[in-house]
Amino acid sequence: MLNTRIKELRTARNLSQVEMAKRLGVTKQSVSNWENNNIQPSVDMLVMIARLFSVSTDYLLCLDNRQVLDVTGLSVEHVAHIQQVVDDIRGRNEPQS
């Protein structure tokens, strides 16, 4: 659900509700209401939340579970290093025989 996804993204980035609210130009109460499923953010705010966390609106709405990491501006070597870290975390960097 949207409320759970917002809270997961916020806490994964070690943001308080107050910090998130400041970045979005809303009150802490708005963030709290979204996370408690009391109200839904507007379409415009949904886009702002997606941009804040570098995810798609489909991801926020739980229509797509893929997360994409924006590597724009990084060198090919840096992107390869990031991919290697991801592979290591997933346990896929085992030697092939």
C-alpha atoms as a PDB file:
ATOM      1  CA  MET A   1       0.000   0.000   0.000  1.00  0.00           C
ATOM      2  CA  LEU A   2       1.055   3.575  -0.632  1.00  0.00           C
ATOM      3  CA  ASN A   3       1.258   4.477   3.053  1.00  0.00           C
ATOM      4  CA  THR A   4       3.611   1.578   3.788  1.00  0.00           C
ATOM      5  CA  ARG A   5       5.765   2.318   0.762  1.00  0.00           C
ATOM      6  CA  ILE A   6       6.174   5.983   1.753  1.00  0.00           C
ATOM      7  CA  LYS A   7       7.175   5.054   5.296  1.00  0.00           C
ATOM      8  CA  GLU A   8       9.618   2.378   4.087  1.00  0.00           C
ATOM      9  CA  LEU A   9      11.326   4.797   1.730  1.00  0.00           C
ATOM     10  CA  ARG A  10      11.487   7.545   4.353  1.00  0.00           C
ATOM     11  CA  THR A  11      12.921   5.350   7.094  1.00  0.00           C
ATOM     12  CA  ALA A  12      15.369   3.624   4.734  1.00  0.00           C
ATOM     13  CA  ARG A  13      16.863   7.049   4.068  1.00  0.00           C
ATOM     14  CA  ASN A  14      16.913   7.928   7.766  1.00  0.00           C
ATOM     15  CA  LEU A  15      14.558  10.860   7.266  1.00  0.00           C
ATOM     16  CA  SER A  16      12.228  11.974  10.011  1.00  0.00           C
ATOM     17  CA  GLN A  17       8.704  12.972   9.115  1.00  0.00           C
ATOM     18  CA  VAL A  18       9.733  16.578   9.787  1.00  0.00           C
ATOM     19  CA  GLU A  19      12.711  16.352   7.410  1.00  0.00           C
ATOM     20  CA  MET A  20      10.604  14.758   4.684  1.00  0.00           C
ATOM     21  CA  ALA A  21       7.918  17.401   5.139  1.00  0.00           C
ATOM     22  CA  LYS A  22      10.490  20.209   4.794  1.00  0.00           C
ATOM     23  CA  ARG A  23      11.863  18.743   1.581  1.00  0.00           C
ATOM     24  CA  LEU A  24       8.347  18.527   0.133  1.00  0.00           C
ATOM     25  CA  GLY A  25       7.110  21.862   1.456  1.00  0.00           C
ATOM     26  CA  VAL A  26       4.325  20.323   3.541  1.00  0.00           C
ATOM     27  CA  THR A  27       3.664  19.861   7.240  1.00  0.00           C
ATOM     28  CA  LYS A  28       4.784  16.935   9.370  1.00  0.00           C
ATOM     29  CA  GLN A  29       1.077  16.242   9.868  1.00  0.00           C
ATOM     30  CA  SER A  30       0.659  15.659   6.122  1.00  0.00           C
ATOM     31  CA  VAL A  31       3.431  13.063   6.120  1.00  0.00           C
ATOM     32  CA  SER A  32       1.974  11.436   9.225  1.00  0.00           C
ATOM     33  CA  ASN A  33      -1.485  11.326   7.628  1.00  0.00           C
ATOM     34  CA  TRP A  34      -0.096   9.688   4.476  1.00  0.00           C
ATOM     35  CA  GLU A  35       1.798   7.083   6.483  1.00  0.00           C
ATOM     36  CA  ASN A  36      -1.215   6.333   8.682  1.00  0.00           C
ATOM     37  CA  ASN A  37      -3.430   6.035   5.596  1.00  0.00           C
ATOM     38  CA  ASN A  38      -5.682   8.858   6.827  1.00  0.00           C
ATOM     39  CA  ILE A  39      -5.372  10.806   3.586  1.00  0.00           C
ATOM     40  CA  GLN A  40      -3.736  10.266   0.192  1.00  0.00           C
ATOM     41  CA  PRO A  41      -1.263  12.711  -1.314  1.00  0.00           C
ATOM     42  CA  SER A  42      -2.451  14.639  -4.359  1.00  0.00           C
ATOM     43  CA  VAL A  43      -1.259  13.540  -7.781  1.00  0.00           C
ATOM     44  CA  ASP A  44       1.212  16.445  -7.851  1.00  0.00           C
ATOM     45  CA  MET A  45       2.517  15.504  -4.414  1.00  0.00           C
ATOM     46  CA  LEU A  46       2.788  11.855  -5.446  1.00  0.00           C
ATOM     47  CA  VAL A  47       5.116  12.944  -8.243  1.00  0.00           C
ATOM     48  CA  MET A  48       7.143  15.052  -5.796  1.00  0.00           C
ATOM     49  CA  ILE A  49       7.458  12.098  -3.398  1.00  0.00           C
ATOM     50  CA  ALA A  50       8.571   9.853  -6.262  1.00  0.00           C
ATOM     51  CA  ARG A  51      11.228  12.394  -7.254  1.00  0.00           C
ATOM     52  CA  LEU A  52      12.386  12.809  -3.655  1.00  0.00           C
ATOM     53  CA  PHE A  53      13.033   9.079  -3.374  1.00  0.00           C
ATOM     54  CA  SER A  54      14.084   8.525  -7.012  1.00  0.00           C
ATOM     55  CA  VAL A  55      11.353   5.954  -7.623  1.00  0.00           C
ATOM     56  CA  SER A  56       8.482   5.761 -10.073  1.00  0.00           C
ATOM     57  CA  THR A  57       4.924   6.606  -9.141  1.00  0.00           C
ATOM     58  CA  ASP A  58       4.073   3.012 -10.096  1.00  0.00           C
ATOM     59  CA  TYR A  59       6.516   1.859  -7.419  1.00  0.00           C
ATOM     60  CA  LEU A  60       4.932   4.170  -4.840  1.00  0.00           C
ATOM     61  CA  LEU A  61       1.476   2.866  -5.748  1.00  0.00           C
ATOM     62  CA  CYS A  62       2.691  -0.759  -5.530  1.00  0.00           C
ATOM     63  CA  LEU A  63       1.902  -1.331  -9.214  1.00  0.00           C
ATOM     64  CA  ASP A  64       5.531  -2.221  -9.909  1.00  0.00           C
ATOM     65  CA  ASN A  65       8.078  -3.570  -7.445  1.00  0.00           C
ATOM     66  CA  ARG A  66      11.164  -2.702  -9.466  1.00  0.00           C
ATOM     67  CA  GLN A  67      13.411  -0.046  -8.032  1.00  0.00           C
ATOM     68  CA  VAL A  68      15.699   1.826 -10.370  1.00  0.00           C
ATOM     69  CA  LEU A  69      18.904   3.513  -9.379  1.00  0.00           C
ATOM     70  CA  ASP A  70      19.690   6.696 -11.302  1.00  0.00           C
ATOM     71  CA  VAL A  71      23.346   6.562 -12.327  1.00  0.00           C
ATOM     72  CA  THR A  72      23.189   9.484 -14.732  1.00  0.00           C
ATOM     73  CA  GLY A  73      26.493  11.296 -14.881  1.00  0.00           C
ATOM     74  CA  LEU A  74      28.546   8.444 -13.445  1.00  0.00           C
ATOM     75  CA  SER A  75      31.349   6.855 -15.401  1.00  0.00           C
ATOM     76  CA  VAL A  76      31.041   3.376 -16.882  1.00  0.00           C
ATOM     77  CA  GLU A  77      33.535   2.211 -14.257  1.00  0.00           C
ATOM     78  CA  HIS A  78      31.457   3.621 -11.402  1.00  0.00           C
ATOM     79  CA  VAL A  79      28.287   2.011 -12.770  1.00  0.00           C
ATOM     80  CA  ALA A  80      30.132  -1.328 -13.048  1.00  0.00           C
ATOM     81  CA  HIS A  81      31.307  -0.958  -9.449  1.00  0.00           C
ATOM     82  CA  ILE A  82      27.753  -0.250  -8.259  1.00  0.00           C
ATOM     83  CA  GLN A  83      26.501  -3.294 -10.176  1.00  0.00           C
ATOM     84  CA  GLN A  84      29.199  -5.402  -8.539  1.00  0.00           C
ATOM     85  CA  VAL A  85      28.087  -4.226  -5.088  1.00  0.00           C
ATOM     86  CA  VAL A  86      24.469  -5.073  -5.944  1.00  0.00           C
ATOM     87  CA  ASP A  87      25.519  -8.510  -7.197  1.00  0.00           C
ATOM     88  CA  ASP A  88      27.521  -9.097  -4.010  1.00  0.00           C
ATOM     89  CA  ILE A  89      24.545  -8.201  -1.848  1.00  0.00           C
ATOM     90  CA  ARG A  90      22.341 -10.553  -3.847  1.00  0.00           C
ATOM     91  CA  GLY A  91      24.949 -13.326  -3.591  1.00  0.00           C
ATOM     92  CA  ARG A  92      25.411 -13.558  -7.329  1.00  0.00           C
ATOM     93  CA  ASN A  93      29.092 -12.825  -7.440  1.00  0.00           C
ATOM     94  CA  GLU A  94      30.135 -16.428  -7.001  1.00  0.00           C
ATOM     95  CA  PRO A  95      32.811 -17.751  -9.349  1.00  0.00           C
ATOM     96  CA  GLN A  96      31.444 -19.528 -12.396  1.00  0.00           C
ATOM     97  CA  SER A  97      32.951 -22.968 -13.143  1.00  0.00           C
END
